[in-house]
Amino acid sequence: MKISEAVRKAMEQHKLIYRNNIRRESGWHNTFIKPTNSYDACIVVSYSDGKEINSCRNWNPTGDDLVADDWELWDKFSDKVSNI
């Protein structure tokens, strides 16, 4: 889905977003984005083997990120992805 739709759904459902083409299953180290309306802007959150290992504020998307249509939702509590 487009980033605008993914962000809207993620904020409504309290989920994170990620680009499907950059998610890696090997070793389960992935980076997700938590959209917010705070001064922290969007927060980058990295997970390794299901545990949050790092986060930082003020994510800066690339042009490709902004026009991509492969954004999906991730629920950190269920470790499941959803593209609905």
N, C-alpha and C. Protein backbone atom coordinates (compact mmCIF):
# COMPACT_ATOMS: atom_id res chain seq x y z
N MET A 1 0.84 -1.17 0.00
CA MET A 1 0.00 0.00 0.00
C MET A 1 0.88 1.24 0.00
N LYS A 2 0.34 2.35 -0.35
CA LYS A 2 1.08 3.62 -0.35
C LYS A 2 1.33 4.06 1.09
N ILE A 3 2.35 4.87 1.27
CA ILE A 3 2.76 5.27 2.62
C ILE A 3 1.65 6.03 3.35
N SER A 4 0.90 6.87 2.65
CA SER A 4 -0.15 7.64 3.32
C SER A 4 -1.21 6.71 3.93
N GLU A 5 -1.58 5.68 3.21
CA GLU A 5 -2.56 4.71 3.71
C GLU A 5 -1.97 3.89 4.85
N ALA A 6 -0.71 3.48 4.71
CA ALA A 6 -0.06 2.69 5.75
C ALA A 6 0.07 3.49 7.04
N VAL A 7 0.44 4.76 6.94
CA VAL A 7 0.59 5.60 8.12
C VAL A 7 -0.76 5.79 8.81
N ARG A 8 -1.79 6.08 8.04
CA ARG A 8 -3.12 6.27 8.63
C ARG A 8 -3.56 5.02 9.39
N LYS A 9 -3.42 3.86 8.76
CA LYS A 9 -3.83 2.60 9.40
C LYS A 9 -2.95 2.28 10.61
N ALA A 10 -1.66 2.51 10.50
CA ALA A 10 -0.75 2.22 11.61
C ALA A 10 -1.09 3.07 12.83
N MET A 11 -1.40 4.33 12.61
CA MET A 11 -1.74 5.19 13.73
C MET A 11 -3.08 4.80 14.35
N GLU A 12 -4.03 4.41 13.54
CA GLU A 12 -5.33 3.98 14.05
C GLU A 12 -5.21 2.67 14.84
N GLN A 13 -4.37 1.76 14.36
CA GLN A 13 -4.26 0.41 14.92
C GLN A 13 -3.07 0.22 15.85
N HIS A 14 -2.30 1.29 16.08
CA HIS A 14 -1.11 1.24 16.95
C HIS A 14 -0.11 0.19 16.47
N LYS A 15 0.20 0.27 15.19
CA LYS A 15 1.16 -0.65 14.59
C LYS A 15 2.32 0.13 13.98
N LEU A 16 3.31 -0.59 13.52
CA LEU A 16 4.47 -0.01 12.86
C LEU A 16 4.35 -0.29 11.36
N ILE A 17 5.13 0.42 10.56
CA ILE A 17 5.12 0.19 9.11
C ILE A 17 6.52 -0.20 8.65
N TYR A 18 6.55 -0.86 7.52
CA TYR A 18 7.82 -1.24 6.91
C TYR A 18 7.62 -1.43 5.41
N ARG A 19 8.71 -1.37 4.67
CA ARG A 19 8.65 -1.66 3.24
C ARG A 19 8.90 -3.15 3.04
N ASN A 20 8.00 -3.79 2.36
CA ASN A 20 8.07 -5.23 2.16
C ASN A 20 9.36 -5.65 1.47
N ASN A 21 9.86 -4.87 0.54
CA ASN A 21 11.04 -5.30 -0.21
C ASN A 21 12.33 -5.18 0.58
N ILE A 22 12.29 -4.62 1.81
CA ILE A 22 13.53 -4.55 2.59
C ILE A 22 13.47 -5.38 3.87
N ARG A 23 12.36 -6.05 4.12
CA ARG A 23 12.26 -6.89 5.31
C ARG A 23 13.06 -8.16 5.11
N ARG A 24 13.83 -8.54 6.12
CA ARG A 24 14.65 -9.73 6.04
C ARG A 24 14.19 -10.75 7.07
N GLU A 25 14.09 -11.98 6.66
CA GLU A 25 13.71 -13.05 7.58
C GLU A 25 14.92 -13.70 8.22
N SER A 26 16.05 -13.69 7.54
CA SER A 26 17.23 -14.37 8.08
C SER A 26 17.75 -13.64 9.31
N GLY A 27 17.84 -14.34 10.41
CA GLY A 27 18.34 -13.76 11.64
C GLY A 27 17.34 -12.82 12.30
N TRP A 28 16.24 -12.59 11.68
CA TRP A 28 15.17 -11.72 12.16
C TRP A 28 15.70 -10.42 12.74
N HIS A 29 16.37 -9.65 11.89
CA HIS A 29 16.77 -8.29 12.25
C HIS A 29 16.08 -7.36 11.27
N ASN A 30 15.16 -6.58 11.77
CA ASN A 30 14.37 -5.72 10.90
C ASN A 30 14.22 -4.34 11.49
N THR A 31 13.97 -3.39 10.62
CA THR A 31 13.75 -2.02 11.01
C THR A 31 12.35 -1.60 10.58
N PHE A 32 11.65 -0.96 11.49
CA PHE A 32 10.29 -0.51 11.25
C PHE A 32 10.17 0.97 11.57
N ILE A 33 9.08 1.56 11.14
CA ILE A 33 8.83 2.97 11.37
C ILE A 33 7.56 3.11 12.21
N LYS A 34 7.64 3.92 13.26
CA LYS A 34 6.47 4.23 14.08
C LYS A 34 6.05 5.66 13.76
N PRO A 35 4.97 5.83 12.99
CA PRO A 35 4.52 7.18 12.70
C PRO A 35 3.89 7.84 13.93
N THR A 36 4.20 9.11 14.16
CA THR A 36 3.61 9.85 15.28
C THR A 36 3.27 11.27 14.84
N ASN A 37 2.52 11.95 15.67
CA ASN A 37 2.26 13.38 15.48
C ASN A 37 3.01 14.20 16.52
N SER A 38 4.00 13.60 17.16
CA SER A 38 4.77 14.29 18.18
C SER A 38 5.97 15.00 17.54
N TYR A 39 6.68 15.77 18.34
CA TYR A 39 7.88 16.44 17.84
C TYR A 39 9.01 15.45 17.58
N ASP A 40 8.85 14.21 17.98
CA ASP A 40 9.83 13.17 17.64
C ASP A 40 9.69 12.75 16.19
N ALA A 41 8.62 13.18 15.54
CA ALA A 41 8.31 12.81 14.15
C ALA A 41 8.14 11.30 14.07
N CYS A 42 8.57 10.70 12.98
CA CYS A 42 8.48 9.25 12.84
C CYS A 42 9.70 8.62 13.50
N ILE A 43 9.47 7.55 14.23
CA ILE A 43 10.54 6.91 15.01
C ILE A 43 10.96 5.63 14.31
N VAL A 44 12.26 5.48 14.12
CA VAL A 44 12.84 4.27 13.53
C VAL A 44 13.09 3.30 14.67
N VAL A 45 12.56 2.08 14.54
CA VAL A 45 12.71 1.08 15.59
C VAL A 45 13.31 -0.18 14.97
N SER A 46 14.43 -0.64 15.53
CA SER A 46 15.09 -1.85 15.04
C SER A 46 14.84 -2.99 16.02
N TYR A 47 14.59 -4.16 15.45
CA TYR A 47 14.36 -5.37 16.24
C TYR A 47 15.33 -6.44 15.79
N SER A 48 15.77 -7.24 16.75
CA SER A 48 16.60 -8.40 16.44
C SER A 48 16.04 -9.57 17.24
N ASP A 49 15.75 -10.65 16.55
CA ASP A 49 15.18 -11.85 17.17
C ASP A 49 13.96 -11.51 18.03
N GLY A 50 13.12 -10.59 17.54
CA GLY A 50 11.88 -10.25 18.20
C GLY A 50 11.97 -9.25 19.33
N LYS A 51 13.17 -8.73 19.59
CA LYS A 51 13.34 -7.78 20.69
C LYS A 51 13.82 -6.44 20.14
N GLU A 52 13.24 -5.37 20.68
CA GLU A 52 13.67 -4.03 20.28
C GLU A 52 15.10 -3.81 20.75
N ILE A 53 15.96 -3.42 19.81
CA ILE A 53 17.37 -3.21 20.16
C ILE A 53 17.79 -1.76 20.02
N ASN A 54 17.00 -0.96 19.30
CA ASN A 54 17.43 0.40 19.03
C ASN A 54 16.24 1.20 18.54
N SER A 55 16.23 2.48 18.83
CA SER A 55 15.24 3.37 18.25
C SER A 55 15.83 4.77 18.19
N CYS A 56 15.36 5.53 17.23
CA CYS A 56 15.77 6.93 17.12
C CYS A 56 14.65 7.72 16.46
N ARG A 57 14.63 9.00 16.71
CA ARG A 57 13.56 9.84 16.20
C ARG A 57 13.94 10.51 14.89
N ASN A 58 12.96 11.13 14.27
CA ASN A 58 13.15 11.94 13.06
C ASN A 58 13.60 11.14 11.84
N TRP A 59 12.88 10.09 11.51
CA TRP A 59 13.16 9.32 10.30
C TRP A 59 13.07 10.24 9.08
N ASN A 60 14.01 10.10 8.18
CA ASN A 60 14.04 10.87 6.94
C ASN A 60 13.87 9.91 5.77
N PRO A 61 12.66 9.86 5.20
CA PRO A 61 12.42 8.93 4.10
C PRO A 61 13.12 9.38 2.82
N THR A 62 13.43 8.42 1.99
CA THR A 62 13.98 8.72 0.67
C THR A 62 12.81 9.01 -0.28
N GLY A 63 13.12 9.53 -1.43
CA GLY A 63 12.10 9.73 -2.45
C GLY A 63 11.44 8.42 -2.82
N ASP A 64 12.24 7.37 -2.95
CA ASP A 64 11.69 6.04 -3.25
C ASP A 64 10.72 5.58 -2.16
N ASP A 65 11.05 5.86 -0.89
CA ASP A 65 10.15 5.49 0.20
C ASP A 65 8.79 6.18 0.04
N LEU A 66 8.82 7.44 -0.35
CA LEU A 66 7.58 8.23 -0.43
C LEU A 66 6.67 7.83 -1.58
N VAL A 67 7.24 7.29 -2.65
CA VAL A 67 6.41 6.91 -3.81
C VAL A 67 6.16 5.40 -3.88
N ALA A 68 6.77 4.63 -3.00
CA ALA A 68 6.62 3.17 -3.02
C ALA A 68 5.20 2.75 -2.67
N ASP A 69 4.80 1.61 -3.18
CA ASP A 69 3.47 1.07 -2.86
C ASP A 69 3.59 -0.30 -2.17
N ASP A 70 4.75 -0.56 -1.56
CA ASP A 70 4.96 -1.85 -0.90
C ASP A 70 5.01 -1.72 0.63
N TRP A 71 4.38 -0.68 1.16
CA TRP A 71 4.34 -0.50 2.61
C TRP A 71 3.34 -1.48 3.23
N GLU A 72 3.72 -2.02 4.38
CA GLU A 72 2.85 -2.95 5.10
C GLU A 72 2.87 -2.60 6.58
N LEU A 73 1.93 -3.17 7.31
CA LEU A 73 1.84 -2.95 8.75
C LEU A 73 2.48 -4.11 9.50
N TRP A 74 3.02 -3.80 10.67
CA TRP A 74 3.58 -4.82 11.55
C TRP A 74 3.10 -4.57 12.96
N ASP A 75 2.61 -5.60 13.60
CA ASP A 75 2.14 -5.52 14.97
C ASP A 75 3.22 -6.11 15.86
N LYS A 76 3.92 -5.26 16.59
CA LYS A 76 5.03 -5.73 17.41
C LYS A 76 4.60 -6.69 18.50
N PHE A 77 3.31 -6.68 18.83
CA PHE A 77 2.83 -7.58 19.89
C PHE A 77 2.50 -8.96 19.37
N SER A 78 2.22 -9.07 18.08
CA SER A 78 1.88 -10.39 17.56
C SER A 78 2.94 -10.92 16.59
N ASP A 79 3.93 -10.09 16.25
CA ASP A 79 4.97 -10.46 15.29
C ASP A 79 4.36 -10.91 13.98
N LYS A 80 3.26 -10.29 13.59
CA LYS A 80 2.62 -10.63 12.33
C LYS A 80 2.56 -9.40 11.45
N VAL A 81 2.68 -9.62 10.17
CA VAL A 81 2.59 -8.54 9.21
C VAL A 81 1.22 -8.56 8.57
N SER A 82 0.82 -7.41 8.09
CA SER A 82 -0.48 -7.31 7.46
C SER A 82 -0.40 -6.25 6.37
N ASN A 83 -0.91 -6.55 5.22
CA ASN A 83 -0.95 -5.56 4.14
C ASN A 83 -2.37 -5.12 3.88
N ILE A 84 -3.24 -5.24 4.87
CA ILE A 84 -4.63 -4.79 4.70
C ILE A 84 -4.81 -3.42 5.33
